[in-house]
Amino acid sequence: MHYNEILQQTEYNFIKTNEHLGKHVILLGLAGSYSYGTNIDTSDIDIRGITLNQKSDMIGLPMFVAG
């Protein structure tokens, strides 16, 4: 299975919809048996990634907008 097909599965929707992931993801890759090409039908899928920090993540506080 190609990684794009894996990421289209519903259990990975959180990568696109999570406010800390989504547009902040800059790199995703397969890990474990899929990355080595040793996977079998019952192998789990390990995904690793890198995201950019939001300003609020860097200072440890959520950003509030004055209304």
PDB file of N, CA and C in Angstrom:
ATOM      1  N   MET A   1       0.845  -1.178   0.000  1.00  0.00           N
ATOM      2  CA  MET A   1       0.000   0.000   0.000  1.00  0.00           C
ATOM      3  C   MET A   1       0.896   1.249   0.000  1.00  0.00           C
ATOM      4  N   HIS A   2       0.588   2.187  -0.843  1.00  0.00           N
ATOM      5  CA  HIS A   2       1.337   3.435  -0.968  1.00  0.00           C
ATOM      6  C   HIS A   2       0.966   4.378   0.180  1.00  0.00           C
ATOM      7  N   TYR A   3       1.896   5.208   0.638  1.00  0.00           N
ATOM      8  CA  TYR A   3       1.637   6.066   1.803  1.00  0.00           C
ATOM      9  C   TYR A   3       0.468   7.017   1.592  1.00  0.00           C
ATOM     10  N   ASN A   4       0.224   7.485   0.364  1.00  0.00           N
ATOM     11  CA  ASN A   4      -0.942   8.350   0.126  1.00  0.00           C
ATOM     12  C   ASN A   4      -2.248   7.602   0.384  1.00  0.00           C
ATOM     13  N   GLU A   5      -2.292   6.333   0.024  1.00  0.00           N
ATOM     14  CA  GLU A   5      -3.480   5.514   0.298  1.00  0.00           C
ATOM     15  C   GLU A   5      -3.667   5.332   1.796  1.00  0.00           C
ATOM     16  N   ILE A   6      -2.580   5.159   2.514  1.00  0.00           N
ATOM     17  CA  ILE A   6      -2.648   5.005   3.968  1.00  0.00           C
ATOM     18  C   ILE A   6      -3.210   6.267   4.605  1.00  0.00           C
ATOM     19  N   LEU A   7      -2.715   7.425   4.192  1.00  0.00           N
ATOM     20  CA  LEU A   7      -3.156   8.686   4.791  1.00  0.00           C
ATOM     21  C   LEU A   7      -4.586   9.053   4.443  1.00  0.00           C
ATOM     22  N   GLN A   8      -5.156   8.438   3.404  1.00  0.00           N
ATOM     23  CA  GLN A   8      -6.547   8.694   3.036  1.00  0.00           C
ATOM     24  C   GLN A   8      -7.532   7.887   3.886  1.00  0.00           C
ATOM     25  N   GLN A   9      -7.034   6.932   4.659  1.00  0.00           N
ATOM     26  CA  GLN A   9      -7.912   6.131   5.512  1.00  0.00           C
ATOM     27  C   GLN A   9      -8.475   7.009   6.629  1.00  0.00           C
ATOM     28  N   THR A  10      -9.707   6.737   7.034  1.00  0.00           N
ATOM     29  CA  THR A  10     -10.398   7.595   8.007  1.00  0.00           C
ATOM     30  C   THR A  10      -9.680   7.690   9.348  1.00  0.00           C
ATOM     31  N   GLU A  11      -8.981   6.658   9.759  1.00  0.00           N
ATOM     32  CA  GLU A  11      -8.299   6.721  11.058  1.00  0.00           C
ATOM     33  C   GLU A  11      -7.150   7.726  11.087  1.00  0.00           C
ATOM     34  N   TYR A  12      -6.769   8.246   9.929  1.00  0.00           N
ATOM     35  CA  TYR A  12      -5.707   9.246   9.882  1.00  0.00           C
ATOM     36  C   TYR A  12      -6.236  10.649   9.584  1.00  0.00           C
ATOM     37  N   ASN A  13      -7.543  10.838   9.606  1.00  0.00           N
ATOM     38  CA  ASN A  13      -8.134  12.169   9.387  1.00  0.00           C
ATOM     39  C   ASN A  13      -7.644  13.189  10.406  1.00  0.00           C
ATOM     40  N   PHE A  14      -7.305  12.725  11.610  1.00  0.00           N
ATOM     41  CA  PHE A  14      -6.854  13.652  12.647  1.00  0.00           C
ATOM     42  C   PHE A  14      -5.617  14.440  12.216  1.00  0.00           C
ATOM     43  N   ILE A  15      -4.832  13.888  11.329  1.00  0.00           N
ATOM     44  CA  ILE A  15      -3.633  14.603  10.868  1.00  0.00           C
ATOM     45  C   ILE A  15      -4.035  15.878  10.137  1.00  0.00           C
ATOM     46  N   LYS A  16      -5.141  15.826   9.396  1.00  0.00           N
ATOM     47  CA  LYS A  16      -5.612  17.000   8.656  1.00  0.00           C
ATOM     48  C   LYS A  16      -6.483  17.922   9.494  1.00  0.00           C
ATOM     49  N   THR A  17      -7.197  17.377  10.482  1.00  0.00           N
ATOM     50  CA  THR A  17      -8.190  18.174  11.202  1.00  0.00           C
ATOM     51  C   THR A  17      -7.721  18.696  12.553  1.00  0.00           C
ATOM     52  N   ASN A  18      -6.688  18.130  13.133  1.00  0.00           N
ATOM     53  CA  ASN A  18      -6.200  18.583  14.437  1.00  0.00           C
ATOM     54  C   ASN A  18      -5.573  19.959  14.306  1.00  0.00           C
ATOM     55  N   GLU A  19      -5.942  20.887  15.203  1.00  0.00           N
ATOM     56  CA  GLU A  19      -5.448  22.264  15.102  1.00  0.00           C
ATOM     57  C   GLU A  19      -3.929  22.379  15.270  1.00  0.00           C
ATOM     58  N   HIS A  20      -3.316  21.409  15.935  1.00  0.00           N
ATOM     59  CA  HIS A  20      -1.863  21.447  16.129  1.00  0.00           C
ATOM     60  C   HIS A  20      -1.115  20.724  15.011  1.00  0.00           C
ATOM     61  N   LEU A  21      -1.847  20.037  14.170  1.00  0.00           N
ATOM     62  CA  LEU A  21      -1.246  19.347  13.029  1.00  0.00           C
ATOM     63  C   LEU A  21      -1.685  20.068  11.765  1.00  0.00           C
ATOM     64  N   GLY A  22      -2.567  19.468  10.976  1.00  0.00           N
ATOM     65  CA  GLY A  22      -3.122  20.116   9.780  1.00  0.00           C
ATOM     66  C   GLY A  22      -2.110  20.857   8.950  1.00  0.00           C
ATOM     67  N   LYS A  23      -2.297  22.168   8.835  1.00  0.00           N
ATOM     68  CA  LYS A  23      -1.423  22.989   7.981  1.00  0.00           C
ATOM     69  C   LYS A  23      -0.023  23.172   8.557  1.00  0.00           C
ATOM     70  N   HIS A  24       0.201  22.703   9.781  1.00  0.00           N
ATOM     71  CA  HIS A  24       1.512  22.843  10.418  1.00  0.00           C
ATOM     72  C   HIS A  24       2.450  21.666  10.132  1.00  0.00           C
ATOM     73  N   VAL A  25       1.925  20.597   9.530  1.00  0.00           N
ATOM     74  CA  VAL A  25       2.743  19.426   9.201  1.00  0.00           C
ATOM     75  C   VAL A  25       3.657  19.781   8.034  1.00  0.00           C
ATOM     76  N   ILE A  26       4.954  19.552   8.228  1.00  0.00           N
ATOM     77  CA  ILE A  26       5.899  19.842   7.148  1.00  0.00           C
ATOM     78  C   ILE A  26       6.558  18.573   6.601  1.00  0.00           C
ATOM     79  N   LEU A  27       6.455  17.454   7.337  1.00  0.00           N
ATOM     80  CA  LEU A  27       7.059  16.209   6.877  1.00  0.00           C
ATOM     81  C   LEU A  27       6.341  15.035   7.517  1.00  0.00           C
ATOM     82  N   LEU A  28       5.966  14.066   6.715  1.00  0.00           N
ATOM     83  CA  LEU A  28       5.416  12.801   7.206  1.00  0.00           C
ATOM     84  C   LEU A  28       6.171  11.664   6.544  1.00  0.00           C
ATOM     85  N   GLY A  29       6.380  10.612   7.294  1.00  0.00           N
ATOM     86  CA  GLY A  29       7.054   9.452   6.725  1.00  0.00           C
ATOM     87  C   GLY A  29       6.607   8.174   7.406  1.00  0.00           C
ATOM     88  N   LEU A  30       6.786   7.083   6.720  1.00  0.00           N
ATOM     89  CA  LEU A  30       6.478   5.779   7.289  1.00  0.00           C
ATOM     90  C   LEU A  30       7.667   5.283   8.097  1.00  0.00           C
ATOM     91  N   ALA A  31       7.361   4.629   9.200  1.00  0.00           N
ATOM     92  CA  ALA A  31       8.394   4.041  10.042  1.00  0.00           C
ATOM     93  C   ALA A  31       8.081   2.571  10.228  1.00  0.00           C
ATOM     94  N   GLY A  32       8.905   1.884  10.968  1.00  0.00           N
ATOM     95  CA  GLY A  32       8.657   0.470  11.248  1.00  0.00           C
ATOM     96  C   GLY A  32       8.777  -0.407  10.025  1.00  0.00           C
ATOM     97  N   SER A  33       7.999  -1.474  10.023  1.00  0.00           N
ATOM     98  CA  SER A  33       8.127  -2.491   8.966  1.00  0.00           C
ATOM     99  C   SER A  33       7.802  -1.942   7.581  1.00  0.00           C
ATOM    100  N   TYR A  34       6.884  -0.967   7.489  1.00  0.00           N
ATOM    101  CA  TYR A  34       6.572  -0.391   6.173  1.00  0.00           C
ATOM    102  C   TYR A  34       7.770   0.362   5.599  1.00  0.00           C
ATOM    103  N   SER A  35       8.527   1.028   6.450  1.00  0.00           N
ATOM    104  CA  SER A  35       9.681   1.772   5.943  1.00  0.00           C
ATOM    105  C   SER A  35      10.806   0.845   5.491  1.00  0.00           C
ATOM    106  N   TYR A  36      10.871  -0.342   6.077  1.00  0.00           N
ATOM    107  CA  TYR A  36      11.905  -1.306   5.702  1.00  0.00           C
ATOM    108  C   TYR A  36      11.458  -2.248   4.599  1.00  0.00           C
ATOM    109  N   GLY A  37      10.150  -2.187   4.259  1.00  0.00           N
ATOM    110  CA  GLY A  37       9.639  -3.090   3.240  1.00  0.00           C
ATOM    111  C   GLY A  37       9.461  -4.512   3.733  1.00  0.00           C
ATOM    112  N   THR A  38       9.384  -4.679   5.061  1.00  0.00           N
ATOM    113  CA  THR A  38       9.226  -6.019   5.634  1.00  0.00           C
ATOM    114  C   THR A  38       7.818  -6.237   6.181  1.00  0.00           C
ATOM    115  N   ASN A  39       6.894  -5.327   5.858  1.00  0.00           N
ATOM    116  CA  ASN A  39       5.531  -5.447   6.363  1.00  0.00           C
ATOM    117  C   ASN A  39       4.811  -6.652   5.760  1.00  0.00           C
ATOM    118  N   ILE A  40       3.880  -7.173   6.550  1.00  0.00           N
ATOM    119  CA  ILE A  40       2.994  -8.249   6.101  1.00  0.00           C
ATOM    120  C   ILE A  40       1.559  -7.763   6.281  1.00  0.00           C
ATOM    121  N   ASP A  41       0.589  -8.569   5.886  1.00  0.00           N
ATOM    122  CA  ASP A  41      -0.814  -8.141   5.935  1.00  0.00           C
ATOM    123  C   ASP A  41      -1.262  -7.694   7.318  1.00  0.00           C
ATOM    124  N   THR A  42      -0.713  -8.254   8.371  1.00  0.00           N
ATOM    125  CA  THR A  42      -1.138  -7.917   9.735  1.00  0.00           C
ATOM    126  C   THR A  42      -0.252  -6.862  10.402  1.00  0.00           C
ATOM    127  N   SER A  43       0.674  -6.278   9.667  1.00  0.00           N
ATOM    128  CA  SER A  43       1.567  -5.266  10.243  1.00  0.00           C
ATOM    129  C   SER A  43       0.807  -3.982  10.567  1.00  0.00           C
ATOM    130  N   ASP A  44       1.185  -3.351  11.684  1.00  0.00           N
ATOM    131  CA  ASP A  44       0.615  -2.041  11.978  1.00  0.00           C
ATOM    132  C   ASP A  44       1.357  -0.996  11.151  1.00  0.00           C
ATOM    133  N   ILE A  45       0.773   0.185  11.081  1.00  0.00           N
ATOM    134  CA  ILE A  45       1.353   1.260  10.276  1.00  0.00           C
ATOM    135  C   ILE A  45       1.860   2.342  11.222  1.00  0.00           C
ATOM    136  N   ASP A  46       3.142   2.627  11.162  1.00  0.00           N
ATOM    137  CA  ASP A  46       3.763   3.646  12.000  1.00  0.00           C
ATOM    138  C   ASP A  46       4.065   4.864  11.148  1.00  0.00           C
ATOM    139  N   ILE A  47       3.523   6.004  11.550  1.00  0.00           N
ATOM    140  CA  ILE A  47       3.760   7.255  10.830  1.00  0.00           C
ATOM    141  C   ILE A  47       4.479   8.211  11.766  1.00  0.00           C
ATOM    142  N   ARG A  48       5.530   8.817  11.287  1.00  0.00           N
ATOM    143  CA  ARG A  48       6.278   9.818  12.045  1.00  0.00           C
ATOM    144  C   ARG A  48       6.210  11.126  11.275  1.00  0.00           C
ATOM    145  N   GLY A  49       6.295  12.230  11.991  1.00  0.00           N
ATOM    146  CA  GLY A  49       6.224  13.501  11.297  1.00  0.00           C
ATOM    147  C   GLY A  49       6.830  14.639  12.069  1.00  0.00           C
ATOM    148  N   ILE A  50       6.910  15.766  11.398  1.00  0.00           N
ATOM    149  CA  ILE A  50       7.435  17.008  11.966  1.00  0.00           C
ATOM    150  C   ILE A  50       6.421  18.102  11.689  1.00  0.00           C
ATOM    151  N   THR A  51       6.150  18.916  12.702  1.00  0.00           N
ATOM    152  CA  THR A  51       5.255  20.061  12.531  1.00  0.00           C
ATOM    153  C   THR A  51       5.958  21.333  12.954  1.00  0.00           C
ATOM    154  N   LEU A  52       5.456  22.439  12.452  1.00  0.00           N
ATOM    155  CA  LEU A  52       5.931  23.738  12.893  1.00  0.00           C
ATOM    156  C   LEU A  52       5.211  24.110  14.185  1.00  0.00           C
ATOM    157  N   ASN A  53       5.904  24.759  15.098  1.00  0.00           N
ATOM    158  CA  ASN A  53       5.275  25.231  16.324  1.00  0.00           C
ATOM    159  C   ASN A  53       4.424  26.457  16.039  1.00  0.00           C
ATOM    160  N   GLN A  54       3.310  26.562  16.773  1.00  0.00           N
ATOM    161  CA  GLN A  54       2.523  27.778  16.752  1.00  0.00           C
ATOM    162  C   GLN A  54       3.102  28.701  17.823  1.00  0.00           C
ATOM    163  N   LYS A  55       2.842  29.983  17.717  1.00  0.00           N
ATOM    164  CA  LYS A  55       3.347  30.920  18.724  1.00  0.00           C
ATOM    165  C   LYS A  55       2.898  30.516  20.115  1.00  0.00           C
ATOM    166  N   SER A  56       1.634  30.109  20.247  1.00  0.00           N
ATOM    167  CA  SER A  56       1.108  29.734  21.558  1.00  0.00           C
ATOM    168  C   SER A  56       1.814  28.498  22.119  1.00  0.00           C
ATOM    169  N   ASP A  57       2.245  27.611  21.263  1.00  0.00           N
ATOM    170  CA  ASP A  57       2.973  26.422  21.727  1.00  0.00           C
ATOM    171  C   ASP A  57       4.360  26.808  22.248  1.00  0.00           C
ATOM    172  N   MET A  58       4.939  27.816  21.670  1.00  0.00           N
ATOM    173  CA  MET A  58       6.299  28.202  22.055  1.00  0.00           C
ATOM    174  C   MET A  58       6.337  28.901  23.395  1.00  0.00           C
ATOM    175  N   ILE A  59       5.291  29.627  23.760  1.00  0.00           N
ATOM    176  CA  ILE A  59       5.294  30.310  25.048  1.00  0.00           C
ATOM    177  C   ILE A  59       4.470  29.559  26.098  1.00  0.00           C
ATOM    178  N   GLY A  60       3.809  28.487  25.666  1.00  0.00           N
ATOM    179  CA  GLY A  60       3.087  27.640  26.595  1.00  0.00           C
ATOM    180  C   GLY A  60       1.711  28.138  26.975  1.00  0.00           C
ATOM    181  N   LEU A  61       1.200  29.121  26.289  1.00  0.00           N
ATOM    182  CA  LEU A  61      -0.131  29.649  26.581  1.00  0.00           C
ATOM    183  C   LEU A  61      -0.959  29.696  25.306  1.00  0.00           C
ATOM    184  N   PRO A  62      -2.262  29.460  25.437  1.00  0.00           N
ATOM    185  CA  PRO A  62      -3.113  29.589  24.243  1.00  0.00           C
ATOM    186  C   PRO A  62      -3.228  31.055  23.832  1.00  0.00           C
ATOM    187  N   MET A  63      -3.363  31.284  22.548  1.00  0.00           N
ATOM    188  CA  MET A  63      -3.520  32.645  22.044  1.00  0.00           C
ATOM    189  C   MET A  63      -4.970  33.079  22.228  1.00  0.00           C
ATOM    190  N   PHE A  64      -5.170  34.254  22.799  1.00  0.00           N
ATOM    191  CA  PHE A  64      -6.503  34.805  22.963  1.00  0.00           C
ATOM    192  C   PHE A  64      -6.623  36.055  22.117  1.00  0.00           C
ATOM    193  N   VAL A  65      -7.772  36.202  21.484  1.00  0.00           N
ATOM    194  CA  VAL A  65      -8.031  37.380  20.663  1.00  0.00           C
ATOM    195  C   VAL A  65      -8.996  38.271  21.435  1.00  0.00           C
ATOM    196  N   ALA A  66      -8.584  39.519  21.656  1.00  0.00           N
ATOM    197  CA  ALA A  66      -9.459  40.457  22.367  1.00  0.00           C
ATOM    198  C   ALA A  66     -10.652  40.802  21.492  1.00  0.00           C
ATOM    199  N   GLY A  67     -11.837  40.775  22.063  1.00  0.00           N
ATOM    200  CA  GLY A  67     -13.026  40.987  21.254  1.00  0.00           C
ATOM    201  C   GLY A  67     -13.680  42.215  21.539  1.00  0.00           C
TER     202      GLY A  67
END
